[in-house]
């Protein structure tokens, strides 16, 4: 869950080994592709797609994010998988829609898998992307093998949401440096790897005639009114789902993650990523990569 608003976040970096690992990942970038789904061109990045003998792993970003959120992790996962990270419509380098139907992003996910003939896939979704994966799997279980959801907030009507995104206003900045200086995480967090954050910020921007602006469509629907209650959605997901939450998350608590697992017919976990915050691929990229590799390997053996 990330939006670009002027929210103060401390400039706190991680160790040099994390920076080195991220540098290696950037030397192995994903290859850009586009595919037409439901009348809209969706952009995705692919790693190791030529290895037809390897299983397919699909990565889904959070609200107003993009596929490059996975750039520091996907190359490591590609050691054992063909990896695809997509841009949901209205975000990243995918087309904007004239209008966004309820749960449109779940249709993007299922449509991509179906049009490319990839299924059944293993899929990982962060935050908003995890919830949309669950909806796509509930609607099209034949397209999915299993899921891993990362710090994804499920809607329980009796609970006050930790954050209910407001509709942003389109802003333009005179140059790239100024625009990148306005990039913020919501919810904010005290730790992040600066190189990762800068990389994500750069791929969040594009230049138009009026100046530099964020790539996401300001008309994207957001907020609790666009969510399906957990007790309605989760029992419909008929595939194994590993639930992961961040130990320092301001979005998902241990209790919330446990209730999510309990409502899933084949829920597993919850698994805590200690010391991580909601945007775990930014503050704990190596630890998250190691955890995902373990969960994927455990699932491959079952």
C-alpha atoms as a PDB file:
ATOM      1  CA  UNK A   1       0.000   0.000   0.000  1.00  0.00           C
ATOM      2  CA  UNK A   2       1.822   3.115  -1.135  1.00  0.00           C
ATOM      3  CA  UNK A   3       0.736   6.540  -2.233  1.00  0.00           C
ATOM      4  CA  UNK A   4       2.762   9.602  -2.982  1.00  0.00           C
ATOM      5  CA  UNK A   5       1.919  12.257  -0.457  1.00  0.00           C
ATOM      6  CA  UNK A   6       4.209  14.500   1.646  1.00  0.00           C
ATOM      7  CA  UNK A   7       4.455  12.290   4.739  1.00  0.00           C
ATOM      8  CA  UNK A   8       7.707  12.519   6.685  1.00  0.00           C
ATOM      9  CA  UNK A   9       9.755   9.327   6.814  1.00  0.00           C
ATOM     10  CA  UNK A  10      13.167   9.046   8.440  1.00  0.00           C
ATOM     11  CA  UNK A  11      16.064   8.445   6.020  1.00  0.00           C
ATOM     12  CA  UNK A  12      17.212   5.202   7.586  1.00  0.00           C
ATOM     13  CA  UNK A  13      19.192   2.659   5.619  1.00  0.00           C
ATOM     14  CA  UNK A  14      20.071  -0.989   6.117  1.00  0.00           C
ATOM     15  CA  UNK A  15      23.461  -2.691   5.943  1.00  0.00           C
ATOM     16  CA  UNK A  16      25.824  -2.760   2.990  1.00  0.00           C
ATOM     17  CA  UNK A  17      25.130  -6.451   2.297  1.00  0.00           C
ATOM     18  CA  UNK A  18      21.501  -5.608   1.534  1.00  0.00           C
ATOM     19  CA  UNK A  19      22.658  -2.855  -0.815  1.00  0.00           C
ATOM     20  CA  UNK A  20      25.075  -5.259  -2.538  1.00  0.00           C
ATOM     21  CA  UNK A  21      22.348  -7.880  -2.933  1.00  0.00           C
ATOM     22  CA  UNK A  22      20.044  -5.282  -4.473  1.00  0.00           C
ATOM     23  CA  UNK A  23      22.819  -4.147  -6.800  1.00  0.00           C
ATOM     24  CA  UNK A  24      23.246  -7.716  -8.043  1.00  0.00           C
ATOM     25  CA  UNK A  25      19.504  -8.006  -8.649  1.00  0.00           C
ATOM     26  CA  UNK A  26      19.484  -4.841 -10.761  1.00  0.00           C
ATOM     27  CA  UNK A  27      22.154  -6.404 -12.967  1.00  0.00           C
ATOM     28  CA  UNK A  28      19.531  -9.053 -13.843  1.00  0.00           C
ATOM     29  CA  UNK A  29      16.497  -6.955 -14.841  1.00  0.00           C
ATOM     30  CA  UNK A  30      13.193  -8.315 -15.991  1.00  0.00           C
ATOM     31  CA  UNK A  31      12.273  -8.097 -19.672  1.00  0.00           C
ATOM     32  CA  UNK A  32       9.274  -5.889 -20.476  1.00  0.00           C
ATOM     33  CA  UNK A  33       6.238  -7.410 -22.220  1.00  0.00           C
ATOM     34  CA  UNK A  34       2.693  -6.296 -22.958  1.00  0.00           C
ATOM     35  CA  UNK A  35      -0.488  -8.316 -23.350  1.00  0.00           C
ATOM     36  CA  UNK A  36      -4.079  -7.321 -24.114  1.00  0.00           C
ATOM     37  CA  UNK A  37      -6.506  -8.276 -21.340  1.00  0.00           C
ATOM     38  CA  UNK A  38     -10.148  -7.179 -21.399  1.00  0.00           C
ATOM     39  CA  UNK A  39      -9.426  -4.428 -23.920  1.00  0.00           C
ATOM     40  CA  UNK A  40      -6.508  -2.964 -21.972  1.00  0.00           C
ATOM     41  CA  UNK A  41      -2.781  -3.386 -22.515  1.00  0.00           C
ATOM     42  CA  UNK A  42      -1.164  -4.778 -19.381  1.00  0.00           C
ATOM     43  CA  UNK A  43       2.574  -4.465 -18.899  1.00  0.00           C
ATOM     44  CA  UNK A  44       4.614  -7.125 -17.136  1.00  0.00           C
ATOM     45  CA  UNK A  45       8.244  -7.958 -16.428  1.00  0.00           C
ATOM     46  CA  UNK A  46       9.586 -11.455 -17.007  1.00  0.00           C
ATOM     47  CA  UNK A  47      12.616 -13.275 -15.671  1.00  0.00           C
ATOM     48  CA  UNK A  48      13.820 -16.634 -16.974  1.00  0.00           C
ATOM     49  CA  UNK A  49      10.716 -17.056 -19.138  1.00  0.00           C
ATOM     50  CA  UNK A  50      12.634 -19.102 -21.692  1.00  0.00           C
ATOM     51  CA  UNK A  51      13.070 -21.918 -19.115  1.00  0.00           C
ATOM     52  CA  UNK A  52       9.936 -23.828 -20.096  1.00  0.00           C
ATOM     53  CA  UNK A  53      10.838 -26.689 -17.754  1.00  0.00           C
ATOM     54  CA  UNK A  54      10.459 -24.481 -14.674  1.00  0.00           C
ATOM     55  CA  UNK A  55       7.163 -23.656 -12.911  1.00  0.00           C
ATOM     56  CA  UNK A  56       5.586 -20.221 -13.225  1.00  0.00           C
ATOM     57  CA  UNK A  57       5.594 -17.728 -10.357  1.00  0.00           C
ATOM     58  CA  UNK A  58       3.375 -14.627 -10.552  1.00  0.00           C
ATOM     59  CA  UNK A  59       4.093 -11.518  -8.437  1.00  0.00           C
ATOM     60  CA  UNK A  60       1.454  -8.840  -7.724  1.00  0.00           C
ATOM     61  CA  UNK A  61       2.241  -5.408  -6.274  1.00  0.00           C
ATOM     62  CA  UNK A  62       0.238  -3.252  -3.869  1.00  0.00           C
ATOM     63  CA  UNK A  63      -2.090  -0.288  -4.355  1.00  0.00           C
ATOM     64  CA  UNK A  64      -0.698   2.406  -6.685  1.00  0.00           C
ATOM     65  CA  UNK A  65       2.495   0.394  -6.992  1.00  0.00           C
ATOM     66  CA  UNK A  66       4.090  -1.329  -9.980  1.00  0.00           C
ATOM     67  CA  UNK A  67       6.030  -4.394 -11.078  1.00  0.00           C
ATOM     68  CA  UNK A  68       9.411  -2.841 -10.248  1.00  0.00           C
ATOM     69  CA  UNK A  69       8.649  -3.206  -6.541  1.00  0.00           C
ATOM     70  CA  UNK A  70       9.856  -6.782  -7.086  1.00  0.00           C
ATOM     71  CA  UNK A  71      13.118  -5.957  -8.890  1.00  0.00           C
ATOM     72  CA  UNK A  72      15.268  -6.697  -5.847  1.00  0.00           C
ATOM     73  CA  UNK A  73      13.652 -10.081  -5.225  1.00  0.00           C
ATOM     74  CA  UNK A  74      12.481 -11.542  -8.544  1.00  0.00           C
ATOM     75  CA  UNK A  75      15.966 -12.339  -9.934  1.00  0.00           C
ATOM     76  CA  UNK A  76      16.667 -14.538  -6.906  1.00  0.00           C
ATOM     77  CA  UNK A  77      13.328 -16.328  -7.243  1.00  0.00           C
ATOM     78  CA  UNK A  78      14.061 -16.838 -10.939  1.00  0.00           C
ATOM     79  CA  UNK A  79      16.778 -19.322  -9.975  1.00  0.00           C
ATOM     80  CA  UNK A  80      14.014 -21.899  -9.636  1.00  0.00           C
ATOM     81  CA  UNK A  81      11.062 -20.360 -11.480  1.00  0.00           C
ATOM     82  CA  UNK A  82       9.917 -18.488 -14.505  1.00  0.00           C
ATOM     83  CA  UNK A  83       8.854 -15.236 -12.882  1.00  0.00           C
ATOM     84  CA  UNK A  84       6.292 -12.664 -14.007  1.00  0.00           C
ATOM     85  CA  UNK A  85       5.564  -9.394 -12.198  1.00  0.00           C
ATOM     86  CA  UNK A  86       2.640  -7.508 -13.673  1.00  0.00           C
ATOM     87  CA  UNK A  87       1.448  -3.921 -13.530  1.00  0.00           C
ATOM     88  CA  UNK A  88      -2.236  -3.883 -12.673  1.00  0.00           C
ATOM     89  CA  UNK A  89      -4.306  -1.642 -14.941  1.00  0.00           C
ATOM     90  CA  UNK A  90      -4.137   2.016 -13.976  1.00  0.00           C
ATOM     91  CA  UNK A  91      -0.725   1.462 -12.396  1.00  0.00           C
ATOM     92  CA  UNK A  92       2.875   1.257 -13.531  1.00  0.00           C
ATOM     93  CA  UNK A  93       3.223   0.995 -17.301  1.00  0.00           C
ATOM     94  CA  UNK A  94      -0.162  -0.650 -17.907  1.00  0.00           C
ATOM     95  CA  UNK A  95      -2.964   1.300 -19.551  1.00  0.00           C
ATOM     96  CA  UNK A  96      -5.455   3.320 -17.574  1.00  0.00           C
ATOM     97  CA  UNK A  97      -9.096   2.298 -17.895  1.00  0.00           C
ATOM     98  CA  UNK A  98     -11.962   4.619 -18.751  1.00  0.00           C
ATOM     99  CA  UNK A  99     -13.710   3.149 -15.714  1.00  0.00           C
ATOM    100  CA  UNK A 100     -12.790   0.591 -13.074  1.00  0.00           C
ATOM    101  CA  UNK A 101     -15.299  -2.103 -12.218  1.00  0.00           C
ATOM    102  CA  UNK A 102     -15.550  -3.530  -8.723  1.00  0.00           C
ATOM    103  CA  UNK A 103     -12.531  -5.784  -8.073  1.00  0.00           C
ATOM    104  CA  UNK A 104     -11.188  -5.019 -11.569  1.00  0.00           C
ATOM    105  CA  UNK A 105      -7.652  -5.949 -10.452  1.00  0.00           C
ATOM    106  CA  UNK A 106      -8.666  -9.549  -9.759  1.00  0.00           C
ATOM    107  CA  UNK A 107      -9.848  -9.663 -13.383  1.00  0.00           C
ATOM    108  CA  UNK A 108      -6.458  -8.343 -14.523  1.00  0.00           C
ATOM    109  CA  UNK A 109      -4.683 -11.143 -12.669  1.00  0.00           C
ATOM    110  CA  UNK A 110      -6.911 -13.959 -13.883  1.00  0.00           C
ATOM    111  CA  UNK A 111      -7.032 -12.503 -17.384  1.00  0.00           C
ATOM    112  CA  UNK A 112      -3.249 -12.354 -17.672  1.00  0.00           C
ATOM    113  CA  UNK A 113      -2.856 -15.975 -16.559  1.00  0.00           C
ATOM    114  CA  UNK A 114      -5.619 -17.103 -18.904  1.00  0.00           C
ATOM    115  CA  UNK A 115      -4.561 -15.130 -21.996  1.00  0.00           C
ATOM    116  CA  UNK A 116      -0.927 -16.205 -21.680  1.00  0.00           C
ATOM    117  CA  UNK A 117      -1.930 -19.804 -20.956  1.00  0.00           C
ATOM    118  CA  UNK A 118       0.182 -19.935 -17.794  1.00  0.00           C
ATOM    119  CA  UNK A 119      -2.038 -21.714 -15.300  1.00  0.00           C
ATOM    120  CA  UNK A 120      -2.084 -23.194 -12.838  1.00  0.00           C
ATOM    121  CA  UNK A 121       0.441 -20.791 -11.273  1.00  0.00           C
ATOM    122  CA  UNK A 122       1.884 -20.135  -7.876  1.00  0.00           C
ATOM    123  CA  UNK A 123       1.335 -16.477  -7.006  1.00  0.00           C
ATOM    124  CA  UNK A 124       2.605 -14.005  -4.417  1.00  0.00           C
ATOM    125  CA  UNK A 125       0.792 -10.761  -3.642  1.00  0.00           C
ATOM    126  CA  UNK A 126       1.748  -7.880  -1.376  1.00  0.00           C
ATOM    127  CA  UNK A 127      -0.872  -5.840   0.520  1.00  0.00           C
ATOM    128  CA  UNK A 128      -3.675  -4.837  -1.891  1.00  0.00           C
ATOM    129  CA  UNK A 129      -2.237  -7.256  -4.435  1.00  0.00           C
ATOM    130  CA  UNK A 130      -2.613 -10.167  -2.034  1.00  0.00           C
ATOM    131  CA  UNK A 131      -6.302  -9.490  -1.526  1.00  0.00           C
ATOM    132  CA  UNK A 132      -6.846  -9.243  -5.291  1.00  0.00           C
ATOM    133  CA  UNK A 133      -5.057 -12.564  -5.736  1.00  0.00           C
ATOM    134  CA  UNK A 134      -7.458 -14.153  -3.266  1.00  0.00           C
ATOM    135  CA  UNK A 135     -10.429 -12.829  -5.240  1.00  0.00           C
ATOM    136  CA  UNK A 136      -8.960 -14.030  -8.555  1.00  0.00           C
ATOM    137  CA  UNK A 137      -8.380 -17.479  -7.057  1.00  0.00           C
ATOM    138  CA  UNK A 138     -11.896 -17.623  -5.616  1.00  0.00           C
ATOM    139  CA  UNK A 139     -13.346 -16.829  -9.051  1.00  0.00           C
ATOM    140  CA  UNK A 140     -10.949 -18.965 -11.121  1.00  0.00           C
ATOM    141  CA  UNK A 141      -9.417 -21.687  -8.930  1.00  0.00           C
ATOM    142  CA  UNK A 142      -8.278 -23.685 -11.964  1.00  0.00           C
ATOM    143  CA  UNK A 143      -5.734 -20.956 -12.761  1.00  0.00           C
ATOM    144  CA  UNK A 144      -3.882 -21.211  -9.445  1.00  0.00           C
ATOM    145  CA  UNK A 145      -1.819 -23.827  -7.652  1.00  0.00           C
ATOM    146  CA  UNK A 146      -1.226 -21.956  -4.389  1.00  0.00           C
ATOM    147  CA  UNK A 147      -0.808 -18.429  -3.042  1.00  0.00           C
ATOM    148  CA  UNK A 148       1.403 -16.504  -0.648  1.00  0.00           C
ATOM    149  CA  UNK A 149       0.013 -13.205   0.621  1.00  0.00           C
ATOM    150  CA  UNK A 150       2.285 -10.640   2.255  1.00  0.00           C
ATOM    151  CA  UNK A 151       0.899  -8.266   4.898  1.00  0.00           C
ATOM    152  CA  UNK A 152      -2.492  -8.127   3.169  1.00  0.00           C
ATOM    153  CA  UNK A 153      -5.250  -6.453   5.158  1.00  0.00           C
ATOM    154  CA  UNK A 154      -8.574  -8.261   5.073  1.00  0.00           C
ATOM    155  CA  UNK A 155     -11.751  -6.294   5.640  1.00  0.00           C
ATOM    156  CA  UNK A 156     -13.622  -7.114   8.832  1.00  0.00           C
ATOM    157  CA  UNK A 157     -16.546  -4.642   9.075  1.00  0.00           C
ATOM    158  CA  UNK A 158     -16.401  -4.504  12.875  1.00  0.00           C
ATOM    159  CA  UNK A 159     -12.782  -3.311  12.814  1.00  0.00           C
ATOM    160  CA  UNK A 160     -11.558   0.197  12.131  1.00  0.00           C
ATOM    161  CA  UNK A 161      -9.194  -0.012   9.152  1.00  0.00           C
ATOM    162  CA  UNK A 162      -5.588   1.050   9.814  1.00  0.00           C
ATOM    163  CA  UNK A 163      -5.620   3.233   6.717  1.00  0.00           C
ATOM    164  CA  UNK A 164      -8.393   4.122   4.287  1.00  0.00           C
ATOM    165  CA  UNK A 165      -6.761   5.699   1.211  1.00  0.00           C
ATOM    166  CA  UNK A 166      -8.233   8.936  -0.033  1.00  0.00           C
ATOM    167  CA  UNK A 167      -8.419   9.842  -3.708  1.00  0.00           C
ATOM    168  CA  UNK A 168      -5.198  11.658  -4.691  1.00  0.00           C
ATOM    169  CA  UNK A 169      -4.985  14.793  -6.779  1.00  0.00           C
ATOM    170  CA  UNK A 170      -2.893  14.770  -9.966  1.00  0.00           C
ATOM    171  CA  UNK A 171       0.317  16.690  -9.248  1.00  0.00           C
ATOM    172  CA  UNK A 172       3.090  17.745 -11.615  1.00  0.00           C
ATOM    173  CA  UNK A 173       6.678  18.488 -10.651  1.00  0.00           C
ATOM    174  CA  UNK A 174       9.178  20.583 -12.634  1.00  0.00           C
ATOM    175  CA  UNK A 175      11.933  17.958 -12.735  1.00  0.00           C
ATOM    176  CA  UNK A 176      12.685  14.356 -11.840  1.00  0.00           C
ATOM    177  CA  UNK A 177      14.745  15.206  -8.745  1.00  0.00           C
ATOM    178  CA  UNK A 178      11.924  17.255  -7.232  1.00  0.00           C
ATOM    179  CA  UNK A 179       9.381  14.547  -7.998  1.00  0.00           C
ATOM    180  CA  UNK A 180      11.489  11.780  -6.478  1.00  0.00           C
ATOM    181  CA  UNK A 181      11.950  13.910  -3.384  1.00  0.00           C
ATOM    182  CA  UNK A 182       8.182  13.822  -2.864  1.00  0.00           C
ATOM    183  CA  UNK A 183       7.933  10.036  -2.866  1.00  0.00           C
ATOM    184  CA  UNK A 184       6.673   8.719   0.461  1.00  0.00           C
ATOM    185  CA  UNK A 185       5.448   5.421   1.856  1.00  0.00           C
ATOM    186  CA  UNK A 186       2.021   5.111   3.435  1.00  0.00           C
ATOM    187  CA  UNK A 187       1.987   3.827   6.076  1.00  0.00           C
ATOM    188  CA  UNK A 188       5.340   5.373   6.881  1.00  0.00           C
ATOM    189  CA  UNK A 189       8.025   3.225   8.431  1.00  0.00           C
ATOM    190  CA  UNK A 190      11.337   3.968  10.175  1.00  0.00           C
ATOM    191  CA  UNK A 191      13.577   1.600   8.189  1.00  0.00           C
ATOM    192  CA  UNK A 192      14.174   1.135   4.494  1.00  0.00           C
ATOM    193  CA  UNK A 193      17.024   0.565   2.079  1.00  0.00           C
ATOM    194  CA  UNK A 194      17.539   3.953   0.336  1.00  0.00           C
ATOM    195  CA  UNK A 195      18.669   2.395  -2.952  1.00  0.00           C
ATOM    196  CA  UNK A 196      15.521   0.268  -3.122  1.00  0.00           C
ATOM    197  CA  UNK A 197      13.256   3.205  -2.297  1.00  0.00           C
ATOM    198  CA  UNK A 198      14.932   5.419  -4.908  1.00  0.00           C
ATOM    199  CA  UNK A 199      14.592   2.705  -7.553  1.00  0.00           C
ATOM    200  CA  UNK A 200      10.911   2.245  -6.828  1.00  0.00           C
ATOM    201  CA  UNK A 201      10.322   6.010  -6.806  1.00  0.00           C
ATOM    202  CA  UNK A 202      12.007   6.446 -10.193  1.00  0.00           C
ATOM    203  CA  UNK A 203       9.819   3.762 -11.765  1.00  0.00           C
ATOM    204  CA  UNK A 204       6.735   5.401 -10.242  1.00  0.00           C
ATOM    205  CA  UNK A 205       7.174   8.533 -12.379  1.00  0.00           C
ATOM    206  CA  UNK A 206       6.788   9.562 -15.981  1.00  0.00           C
ATOM    207  CA  UNK A 207       7.303  12.822 -17.820  1.00  0.00           C
ATOM    208  CA  UNK A 208       4.356  14.535 -19.528  1.00  0.00           C
ATOM    209  CA  UNK A 209       4.037  17.929 -21.188  1.00  0.00           C
ATOM    210  CA  UNK A 210       3.029  19.519 -17.863  1.00  0.00           C
ATOM    211  CA  UNK A 211       5.975  18.009 -15.998  1.00  0.00           C
ATOM    212  CA  UNK A 212       6.759  14.853 -14.016  1.00  0.00           C
ATOM    213  CA  UNK A 213       3.849  12.964 -12.461  1.00  0.00           C
ATOM    214  CA  UNK A 214       3.060   9.662 -10.799  1.00  0.00           C
ATOM    215  CA  UNK A 215       2.146   6.855 -13.173  1.00  0.00           C
ATOM    216  CA  UNK A 216      -0.901   5.607 -11.287  1.00  0.00           C
ATOM    217  CA  UNK A 217      -4.355   6.773 -12.334  1.00  0.00           C
ATOM    218  CA  UNK A 218      -5.856   9.185  -9.758  1.00  0.00           C
ATOM    219  CA  UNK A 219      -9.270   7.709 -10.608  1.00  0.00           C
ATOM    220  CA  UNK A 220      -8.341   4.277  -9.250  1.00  0.00           C
ATOM    221  CA  UNK A 221     -10.967   3.116  -6.765  1.00  0.00           C
ATOM    222  CA  UNK A 222      -9.611   2.732  -3.243  1.00  0.00           C
ATOM    223  CA  UNK A 223     -10.882   2.449   0.288  1.00  0.00           C
ATOM    224  CA  UNK A 224     -12.904   0.050   2.376  1.00  0.00           C
ATOM    225  CA  UNK A 225     -16.014   0.530   0.245  1.00  0.00           C
ATOM    226  CA  UNK A 226     -14.186  -1.350  -2.521  1.00  0.00           C
ATOM    227  CA  UNK A 227     -13.323  -4.356  -0.375  1.00  0.00           C
ATOM    228  CA  UNK A 228     -15.142  -7.662   0.088  1.00  0.00           C
ATOM    229  CA  UNK A 229     -15.693  -8.635   3.740  1.00  0.00           C
ATOM    230  CA  UNK A 230     -13.218 -11.306   4.796  1.00  0.00           C
ATOM    231  CA  UNK A 231     -15.924 -13.726   5.963  1.00  0.00           C
ATOM    232  CA  UNK A 232     -17.480 -13.629   2.481  1.00  0.00           C
ATOM    233  CA  UNK A 233     -14.279 -13.872   0.437  1.00  0.00           C
ATOM    234  CA  UNK A 234     -11.886 -16.158   2.298  1.00  0.00           C
ATOM    235  CA  UNK A 235     -14.046 -19.326   2.514  1.00  0.00           C
ATOM    236  CA  UNK A 236     -14.294 -19.260  -1.296  1.00  0.00           C
ATOM    237  CA  UNK A 237     -10.544 -19.592  -1.822  1.00  0.00           C
ATOM    238  CA  UNK A 238     -10.095 -23.310  -2.479  1.00  0.00           C
ATOM    239  CA  UNK A 239      -6.327 -23.419  -2.825  1.00  0.00           C
ATOM    240  CA  UNK A 240      -3.493 -23.485  -0.240  1.00  0.00           C
ATOM    241  CA  UNK A 241      -2.655 -19.976   0.975  1.00  0.00           C
ATOM    242  CA  UNK A 242       0.344 -19.076   3.105  1.00  0.00           C
ATOM    243  CA  UNK A 243      -0.302 -15.939   5.148  1.00  0.00           C
ATOM    244  CA  UNK A 244       2.769 -13.825   5.979  1.00  0.00           C
ATOM    245  CA  UNK A 245       2.752 -10.656   8.075  1.00  0.00           C
ATOM    246  CA  UNK A 246       5.414  -8.176   9.112  1.00  0.00           C
ATOM    247  CA  UNK A 247       6.332  -8.069  12.780  1.00  0.00           C
ATOM    248  CA  UNK A 248       6.377  -4.263  12.791  1.00  0.00           C
ATOM    249  CA  UNK A 249       3.420  -3.795  10.451  1.00  0.00           C
ATOM    250  CA  UNK A 250       1.008  -0.932  10.989  1.00  0.00           C
ATOM    251  CA  UNK A 251      -1.493  -2.754   8.752  1.00  0.00           C
ATOM    252  CA  UNK A 252      -1.706  -6.426   9.781  1.00  0.00           C
ATOM    253  CA  UNK A 253      -1.393  -7.666  13.360  1.00  0.00           C
ATOM    254  CA  UNK A 254      -0.617 -11.225  14.454  1.00  0.00           C
ATOM    255  CA  UNK A 255      -4.245 -11.632  15.520  1.00  0.00           C
ATOM    256  CA  UNK A 256      -5.530 -10.322  12.190  1.00  0.00           C
ATOM    257  CA  UNK A 257      -3.241 -12.690  10.282  1.00  0.00           C
ATOM    258  CA  UNK A 258      -4.396 -15.584  12.449  1.00  0.00           C
ATOM    259  CA  UNK A 259      -8.041 -14.825  11.776  1.00  0.00           C
ATOM    260  CA  UNK A 260      -7.288 -14.695   8.056  1.00  0.00           C
ATOM    261  CA  UNK A 261      -5.713 -18.167   8.186  1.00  0.00           C
ATOM    262  CA  UNK A 262      -8.649 -19.542  10.172  1.00  0.00           C
ATOM    263  CA  UNK A 263     -11.146 -18.414   7.520  1.00  0.00           C
ATOM    264  CA  UNK A 264      -9.224 -19.924   4.607  1.00  0.00           C
ATOM    265  CA  UNK A 265     -10.176 -23.552   3.853  1.00  0.00           C
ATOM    266  CA  UNK A 266      -6.506 -24.362   3.198  1.00  0.00           C
ATOM    267  CA  UNK A 267      -4.846 -21.554   5.126  1.00  0.00           C
ATOM    268  CA  UNK A 268      -1.278 -21.986   6.354  1.00  0.00           C
ATOM    269  CA  UNK A 269       0.608 -19.946   8.947  1.00  0.00           C
ATOM    270  CA  UNK A 270       0.532 -17.207   9.827  1.00  0.00           C
ATOM    271  CA  UNK A 271       4.251 -16.670   9.365  1.00  0.00           C
ATOM    272  CA  UNK A 272       5.879 -13.597  10.866  1.00  0.00           C
ATOM    273  CA  UNK A 273       8.764 -11.775   9.204  1.00  0.00           C
ATOM    274  CA  UNK A 274      10.375 -10.362  12.367  1.00  0.00           C
ATOM    275  CA  UNK A 275      11.560  -6.755  12.463  1.00  0.00           C
ATOM    276  CA  UNK A 276       9.961  -6.061   9.075  1.00  0.00           C
ATOM    277  CA  UNK A 277       7.462  -3.304   8.375  1.00  0.00           C
ATOM    278  CA  UNK A 278       4.556  -3.271   5.948  1.00  0.00           C
ATOM    279  CA  UNK A 279       6.723  -2.526   2.892  1.00  0.00           C
ATOM    280  CA  UNK A 280       8.869  -5.551   3.638  1.00  0.00           C
ATOM    281  CA  UNK A 281      10.646  -5.737   0.268  1.00  0.00           C
ATOM    282  CA  UNK A 282      12.075  -2.286   1.030  1.00  0.00           C
ATOM    283  CA  UNK A 283      13.281  -2.748   4.605  1.00  0.00           C
ATOM    284  CA  UNK A 284      13.947  -6.523   4.742  1.00  0.00           C
ATOM    285  CA  UNK A 285      14.641  -7.570   1.117  1.00  0.00           C
ATOM    286  CA  UNK A 286      17.135 -10.351   1.894  1.00  0.00           C
ATOM    287  CA  UNK A 287      15.065 -11.779   4.722  1.00  0.00           C
ATOM    288  CA  UNK A 288      11.908 -11.688   2.611  1.00  0.00           C
ATOM    289  CA  UNK A 289      13.679 -13.406  -0.279  1.00  0.00           C
ATOM    290  CA  UNK A 290      14.929 -16.161   2.029  1.00  0.00           C
ATOM    291  CA  UNK A 291      11.459 -16.639   3.534  1.00  0.00           C
ATOM    292  CA  UNK A 292       9.787 -16.815   0.127  1.00  0.00           C
ATOM    293  CA  UNK A 293      12.328 -19.350  -1.105  1.00  0.00           C
ATOM    294  CA  UNK A 294      11.643 -21.498   1.967  1.00  0.00           C
ATOM    295  CA  UNK A 295       7.859 -21.315   1.618  1.00  0.00           C
ATOM    296  CA  UNK A 296       8.073 -22.072  -2.095  1.00  0.00           C
ATOM    297  CA  UNK A 297      10.369 -25.028  -1.497  1.00  0.00           C
ATOM    298  CA  UNK A 298       8.124 -26.382   1.259  1.00  0.00           C
ATOM    299  CA  UNK A 299       5.130 -26.145  -1.052  1.00  0.00           C
ATOM    300  CA  UNK A 300       6.952 -27.870  -3.904  1.00  0.00           C
ATOM    301  CA  UNK A 301       7.566 -30.866  -1.640  1.00  0.00           C
ATOM    302  CA  UNK A 302       3.866 -31.311  -0.748  1.00  0.00           C
END
